């Protein structure tokens, strides 16, 4: 279960906006999903008049569920509120430091890349018998048209058996 000190800044802002809108939430230990929805919808209506913009607290149902439809409300203690107010004040006092642009120095001329020699594995010599066998196979393939015709006939028969004609 998340307590107020464990929440992210956006979650803390949502809790404090809910408490500011509904003071009974400051002392509540449990809150129902319907109550969360009602408060959130009222905060959306107030947003048009300059109210605080907060997101829907889905994180309550993911992490702080006690039982179905009931979540633990992470009400802040006095110590949490003091620490939160101090952190908010510290953030407003911090100003960005303006830095001047530094002109980059021109890069030194680079030396051209030199090709390096790489050891290459020697190619194995092919024996004349293997070359002769490869050549004879290459000569046989174009002459095997009878096999090709037979394969085409078989394929055509399969297509026709399935009702496909071309």
C-alpha atoms as a PDB file:
ATOM      1  CA  UNK A   1       0.000   0.000   0.000  1.00  0.00           C
ATOM      2  CA  UNK A   2       1.324   3.389  -1.009  1.00  0.00           C
ATOM      3  CA  UNK A   3       1.501   6.098   1.610  1.00  0.00           C
ATOM      4  CA  UNK A   4       1.625   9.810   0.808  1.00  0.00           C
ATOM      5  CA  UNK A   5       5.407   9.988   1.062  1.00  0.00           C
ATOM      6  CA  UNK A   6       5.751   7.151  -1.493  1.00  0.00           C
ATOM      7  CA  UNK A   7       3.711   8.933  -4.189  1.00  0.00           C
ATOM      8  CA  UNK A   8       5.083  10.729  -7.233  1.00  0.00           C
ATOM      9  CA  UNK A   9       4.674  14.520  -7.411  1.00  0.00           C
ATOM     10  CA  UNK A  10       1.684  14.185  -9.757  1.00  0.00           C
ATOM     11  CA  UNK A  11       0.006  11.665  -7.468  1.00  0.00           C
ATOM     12  CA  UNK A  12       0.616  13.919  -4.463  1.00  0.00           C
ATOM     13  CA  UNK A  13      -0.978  16.812  -6.354  1.00  0.00           C
ATOM     14  CA  UNK A  14      -4.030  14.629  -7.113  1.00  0.00           C
ATOM     15  CA  UNK A  15      -4.409  13.659  -3.453  1.00  0.00           C
ATOM     16  CA  UNK A  16      -4.088  17.259  -2.279  1.00  0.00           C
ATOM     17  CA  UNK A  17      -6.553  18.476  -4.932  1.00  0.00           C
ATOM     18  CA  UNK A  18      -9.019  15.826  -3.777  1.00  0.00           C
ATOM     19  CA  UNK A  19      -8.586  16.883  -0.144  1.00  0.00           C
ATOM     20  CA  UNK A  20      -8.960  20.572  -1.040  1.00  0.00           C
ATOM     21  CA  UNK A  21     -12.182  19.802  -2.891  1.00  0.00           C
ATOM     22  CA  UNK A  22     -13.535  17.272  -0.357  1.00  0.00           C
ATOM     23  CA  UNK A  23     -12.128  18.042   3.163  1.00  0.00           C
ATOM     24  CA  UNK A  24     -13.532  14.775   4.537  1.00  0.00           C
ATOM     25  CA  UNK A  25     -10.806  12.938   2.594  1.00  0.00           C
ATOM     26  CA  UNK A  26      -8.121  14.447   4.871  1.00  0.00           C
ATOM     27  CA  UNK A  27      -9.058  12.014   7.656  1.00  0.00           C
ATOM     28  CA  UNK A  28     -10.412   9.157   5.530  1.00  0.00           C
ATOM     29  CA  UNK A  29      -8.645   5.815   5.694  1.00  0.00           C
ATOM     30  CA  UNK A  30     -10.731   4.156   2.983  1.00  0.00           C
ATOM     31  CA  UNK A  31     -12.485   5.535  -0.066  1.00  0.00           C
ATOM     32  CA  UNK A  32     -14.843   3.864  -2.528  1.00  0.00           C
ATOM     33  CA  UNK A  33     -14.372   3.830  -6.290  1.00  0.00           C
ATOM     34  CA  UNK A  34     -17.645   5.725  -6.727  1.00  0.00           C
ATOM     35  CA  UNK A  35     -16.459   8.441  -4.373  1.00  0.00           C
ATOM     36  CA  UNK A  36     -13.141   8.764  -6.247  1.00  0.00           C
ATOM     37  CA  UNK A  37     -15.021   9.015  -9.542  1.00  0.00           C
ATOM     38  CA  UNK A  38     -17.404  11.645  -8.198  1.00  0.00           C
ATOM     39  CA  UNK A  39     -14.586  13.822  -6.826  1.00  0.00           C
ATOM     40  CA  UNK A  40     -12.613  13.462 -10.048  1.00  0.00           C
ATOM     41  CA  UNK A  41     -15.587  14.477 -12.204  1.00  0.00           C
ATOM     42  CA  UNK A  42     -16.165  17.529 -10.001  1.00  0.00           C
ATOM     43  CA  UNK A  43     -12.484  18.475 -10.378  1.00  0.00           C
ATOM     44  CA  UNK A  44     -12.866  18.244 -14.160  1.00  0.00           C
ATOM     45  CA  UNK A  45     -15.833  20.631 -13.987  1.00  0.00           C
ATOM     46  CA  UNK A  46     -13.772  23.050 -11.884  1.00  0.00           C
ATOM     47  CA  UNK A  47     -10.860  22.839 -14.334  1.00  0.00           C
ATOM     48  CA  UNK A  48     -12.748  25.092 -16.782  1.00  0.00           C
ATOM     49  CA  UNK A  49     -12.860  27.811 -14.110  1.00  0.00           C
ATOM     50  CA  UNK A  50      -9.105  27.622 -13.446  1.00  0.00           C
ATOM     51  CA  UNK A  51      -9.015  24.669 -11.096  1.00  0.00           C
ATOM     52  CA  UNK A  52      -6.125  22.248 -10.685  1.00  0.00           C
ATOM     53  CA  UNK A  53      -5.563  19.833 -13.552  1.00  0.00           C
ATOM     54  CA  UNK A  54      -5.122  16.302 -12.212  1.00  0.00           C
ATOM     55  CA  UNK A  55      -5.321  12.937 -13.908  1.00  0.00           C
ATOM     56  CA  UNK A  56      -7.665  10.137 -12.955  1.00  0.00           C
ATOM     57  CA  UNK A  57      -6.095   8.236 -10.009  1.00  0.00           C
ATOM     58  CA  UNK A  58      -5.904   4.776 -11.595  1.00  0.00           C
ATOM     59  CA  UNK A  59      -2.864   4.092  -9.410  1.00  0.00           C
ATOM     60  CA  UNK A  60      -5.203   3.847  -6.409  1.00  0.00           C
ATOM     61  CA  UNK A  61      -7.004   0.846  -7.864  1.00  0.00           C
ATOM     62  CA  UNK A  62      -3.753  -0.796  -8.927  1.00  0.00           C
ATOM     63  CA  UNK A  63      -1.802  -0.520  -5.681  1.00  0.00           C
ATOM     64  CA  UNK A  64      -4.071   0.525  -2.817  1.00  0.00           C
ATOM     65  CA  UNK A  65      -7.007  -1.849  -3.239  1.00  0.00           C
ATOM     66  CA  UNK A  66      -8.264  -3.218   0.065  1.00  0.00           C
ATOM     67  CA  UNK A  67     -11.246  -5.085  -1.318  1.00  0.00           C
ATOM     68  CA  UNK A  68     -13.413  -4.808  -4.396  1.00  0.00           C
ATOM     69  CA  UNK A  69     -14.386  -1.190  -4.972  1.00  0.00           C
ATOM     70  CA  UNK A  70     -12.599   0.087  -1.854  1.00  0.00           C
ATOM     71  CA  UNK A  71      -9.129   1.618  -1.818  1.00  0.00           C
ATOM     72  CA  UNK A  72      -6.911   2.904   0.966  1.00  0.00           C
ATOM     73  CA  UNK A  73      -6.705   6.685   0.733  1.00  0.00           C
ATOM     74  CA  UNK A  74      -3.118   7.937   1.212  1.00  0.00           C
ATOM     75  CA  UNK A  75      -4.035  10.885   3.421  1.00  0.00           C
ATOM     76  CA  UNK A  76      -0.982  13.001   4.277  1.00  0.00           C
ATOM     77  CA  UNK A  77       0.136  13.575   7.845  1.00  0.00           C
ATOM     78  CA  UNK A  78       1.158  17.006   9.125  1.00  0.00           C
ATOM     79  CA  UNK A  79       4.804  16.045   8.684  1.00  0.00           C
ATOM     80  CA  UNK A  80       4.153  15.016   5.068  1.00  0.00           C
ATOM     81  CA  UNK A  81       2.429  18.331   4.338  1.00  0.00           C
ATOM     82  CA  UNK A  82       5.303  20.355   5.825  1.00  0.00           C
ATOM     83  CA  UNK A  83       7.853  18.391   3.798  1.00  0.00           C
ATOM     84  CA  UNK A  84       5.740  18.728   0.621  1.00  0.00           C
ATOM     85  CA  UNK A  85       5.337  22.495   1.092  1.00  0.00           C
ATOM     86  CA  UNK A  86       9.091  22.871   1.637  1.00  0.00           C
ATOM     87  CA  UNK A  87       9.869  20.863  -1.486  1.00  0.00           C
ATOM     88  CA  UNK A  88       7.439  22.980  -3.514  1.00  0.00           C
ATOM     89  CA  UNK A  89       9.042  26.184  -2.186  1.00  0.00           C
ATOM     90  CA  UNK A  90      12.528  24.912  -3.009  1.00  0.00           C
ATOM     91  CA  UNK A  91      11.487  24.140  -6.574  1.00  0.00           C
ATOM     92  CA  UNK A  92      10.146  27.651  -7.141  1.00  0.00           C
ATOM     93  CA  UNK A  93      13.357  29.283  -5.920  1.00  0.00           C
ATOM     94  CA  UNK A  94      15.574  27.391  -8.340  1.00  0.00           C
ATOM     95  CA  UNK A  95      16.292  29.343 -11.506  1.00  0.00           C
ATOM     96  CA  UNK A  96      17.869  28.029 -14.622  1.00  0.00           C
ATOM     97  CA  UNK A  97      21.436  29.078 -15.142  1.00  0.00           C
ATOM     98  CA  UNK A  98      21.901  30.634 -18.537  1.00  0.00           C
ATOM     99  CA  UNK A  99      24.944  29.363 -20.304  1.00  0.00           C
ATOM    100  CA  UNK A 100      26.686  30.959 -23.200  1.00  0.00           C
ATOM    101  CA  UNK A 101      27.237  29.021 -26.318  1.00  0.00           C
ATOM    102  CA  UNK A 102      30.792  27.922 -26.733  1.00  0.00           C
ATOM    103  CA  UNK A 103      32.218  28.023 -30.226  1.00  0.00           C
ATOM    104  CA  UNK A 104      33.622  24.657 -31.131  1.00  0.00           C
ATOM    105  CA  UNK A 105      37.230  24.514 -32.146  1.00  0.00           C
ATOM    106  CA  UNK A 106      37.921  23.388 -35.661  1.00  0.00           C
ATOM    107  CA  UNK A 107      38.852  19.756 -35.815  1.00  0.00           C
ATOM    108  CA  UNK A 108      42.431  18.940 -36.648  1.00  0.00           C
ATOM    109  CA  UNK A 109      43.037  17.459 -40.045  1.00  0.00           C
ATOM    110  CA  UNK A 110      42.717  13.752 -39.927  1.00  0.00           C
ATOM    111  CA  UNK A 111      45.165  11.430 -41.505  1.00  0.00           C
ATOM    112  CA  UNK A 112      43.706   9.397 -44.338  1.00  0.00           C
ATOM    113  CA  UNK A 113      42.771   5.862 -43.562  1.00  0.00           C
ATOM    114  CA  UNK A 114      45.271   3.328 -44.700  1.00  0.00           C
ATOM    115  CA  UNK A 115      44.139  -0.033 -45.950  1.00  0.00           C
ATOM    116  CA  UNK A 116      45.504  -2.849 -43.875  1.00  0.00           C
ATOM    117  CA  UNK A 117      46.318  -6.267 -45.150  1.00  0.00           C
ATOM    118  CA  UNK A 118      44.143  -9.034 -43.829  1.00  0.00           C
ATOM    119  CA  UNK A 119      45.089 -12.683 -43.808  1.00  0.00           C
ATOM    120  CA  UNK A 120      42.861 -14.509 -46.250  1.00  0.00           C
ATOM    121  CA  UNK A 121      42.298 -18.227 -46.114  1.00  0.00           C
ATOM    122  CA  UNK A 122      43.690 -19.935 -49.179  1.00  0.00           C
ATOM    123  CA  UNK A 123      41.114 -21.326 -51.574  1.00  0.00           C
ATOM    124  CA  UNK A 124      41.220 -25.078 -51.863  1.00  0.00           C
ATOM    125  CA  UNK A 125      42.013 -26.340 -55.310  1.00  0.00           C
ATOM    126  CA  UNK A 126      39.255 -28.379 -56.891  1.00  0.00           C
ATOM    127  CA  UNK A 127      40.335 -31.666 -58.437  1.00  0.00           C
ATOM    128  CA  UNK A 128      39.727 -32.189 -62.166  1.00  0.00           C
ATOM    129  CA  UNK A 129      37.425 -35.157 -61.455  1.00  0.00           C
ATOM    130  CA  UNK A 130      35.036 -32.962 -59.460  1.00  0.00           C
ATOM    131  CA  UNK A 131      35.026 -30.342 -62.187  1.00  0.00           C
ATOM    132  CA  UNK A 132      34.259 -32.997 -64.808  1.00  0.00           C
ATOM    133  CA  UNK A 133      31.424 -34.420 -62.654  1.00  0.00           C
ATOM    134  CA  UNK A 134      29.887 -30.953 -62.168  1.00  0.00           C
ATOM    135  CA  UNK A 135      30.024 -30.272 -65.892  1.00  0.00           C
ATOM    136  CA  UNK A 136      28.366 -33.575 -66.707  1.00  0.00           C
ATOM    137  CA  UNK A 137      25.539 -32.859 -64.271  1.00  0.00           C
ATOM    138  CA  UNK A 138      25.004 -29.423 -65.785  1.00  0.00           C
ATOM    139  CA  UNK A 139      24.758 -31.035 -69.220  1.00  0.00           C
ATOM    140  CA  UNK A 140      22.165 -33.564 -68.080  1.00  0.00           C
ATOM    141  CA  UNK A 141      19.746 -31.084 -66.486  1.00  0.00           C
ATOM    142  CA  UNK A 142      18.617 -29.336 -69.699  1.00  0.00           C
ATOM    143  CA  UNK A 143      18.053 -32.687 -71.346  1.00  0.00           C
ATOM    144  CA  UNK A 144      15.578 -33.839 -68.671  1.00  0.00           C
ATOM    145  CA  UNK A 145      12.481 -32.285 -70.298  1.00  0.00           C
ATOM    146  CA  UNK A 146      10.572 -35.567 -70.011  1.00  0.00           C
ATOM    147  CA  UNK A 147      10.696 -35.275 -66.236  1.00  0.00           C
ATOM    148  CA  UNK A 148       9.563 -31.660 -66.385  1.00  0.00           C
ATOM    149  CA  UNK A 149       6.612 -32.543 -68.621  1.00  0.00           C
ATOM    150  CA  UNK A 150       5.605 -35.341 -66.279  1.00  0.00           C
ATOM    151  CA  UNK A 151       5.780 -33.020 -63.266  1.00  0.00           C
ATOM    152  CA  UNK A 152       3.620 -30.442 -65.050  1.00  0.00           C
ATOM    153  CA  UNK A 153       1.035 -33.106 -65.915  1.00  0.00           C
ATOM    154  CA  UNK A 154       0.873 -34.275 -62.304  1.00  0.00           C
ATOM    155  CA  UNK A 155       0.470 -30.725 -61.063  1.00  0.00           C
ATOM    156  CA  UNK A 156      -2.221 -30.017 -63.635  1.00  0.00           C
ATOM    157  CA  UNK A 157      -4.075 -33.170 -62.610  1.00  0.00           C
ATOM    158  CA  UNK A 158      -3.999 -32.115 -58.949  1.00  0.00           C
ATOM    159  CA  UNK A 159      -5.336 -28.660 -59.804  1.00  0.00           C
ATOM    160  CA  UNK A 160      -8.108 -30.094 -61.978  1.00  0.00           C
ATOM    161  CA  UNK A 161      -9.055 -32.581 -59.247  1.00  0.00           C
ATOM    162  CA  UNK A 162      -9.566 -29.595 -56.915  1.00  0.00           C
ATOM    163  CA  UNK A 163     -11.660 -27.704 -59.449  1.00  0.00           C
ATOM    164  CA  UNK A 164      -8.980 -25.263 -60.601  1.00  0.00           C
ATOM    165  CA  UNK A 165      -8.654 -24.888 -64.361  1.00  0.00           C
ATOM    166  CA  UNK A 166      -6.271 -22.616 -66.236  1.00  0.00           C
END
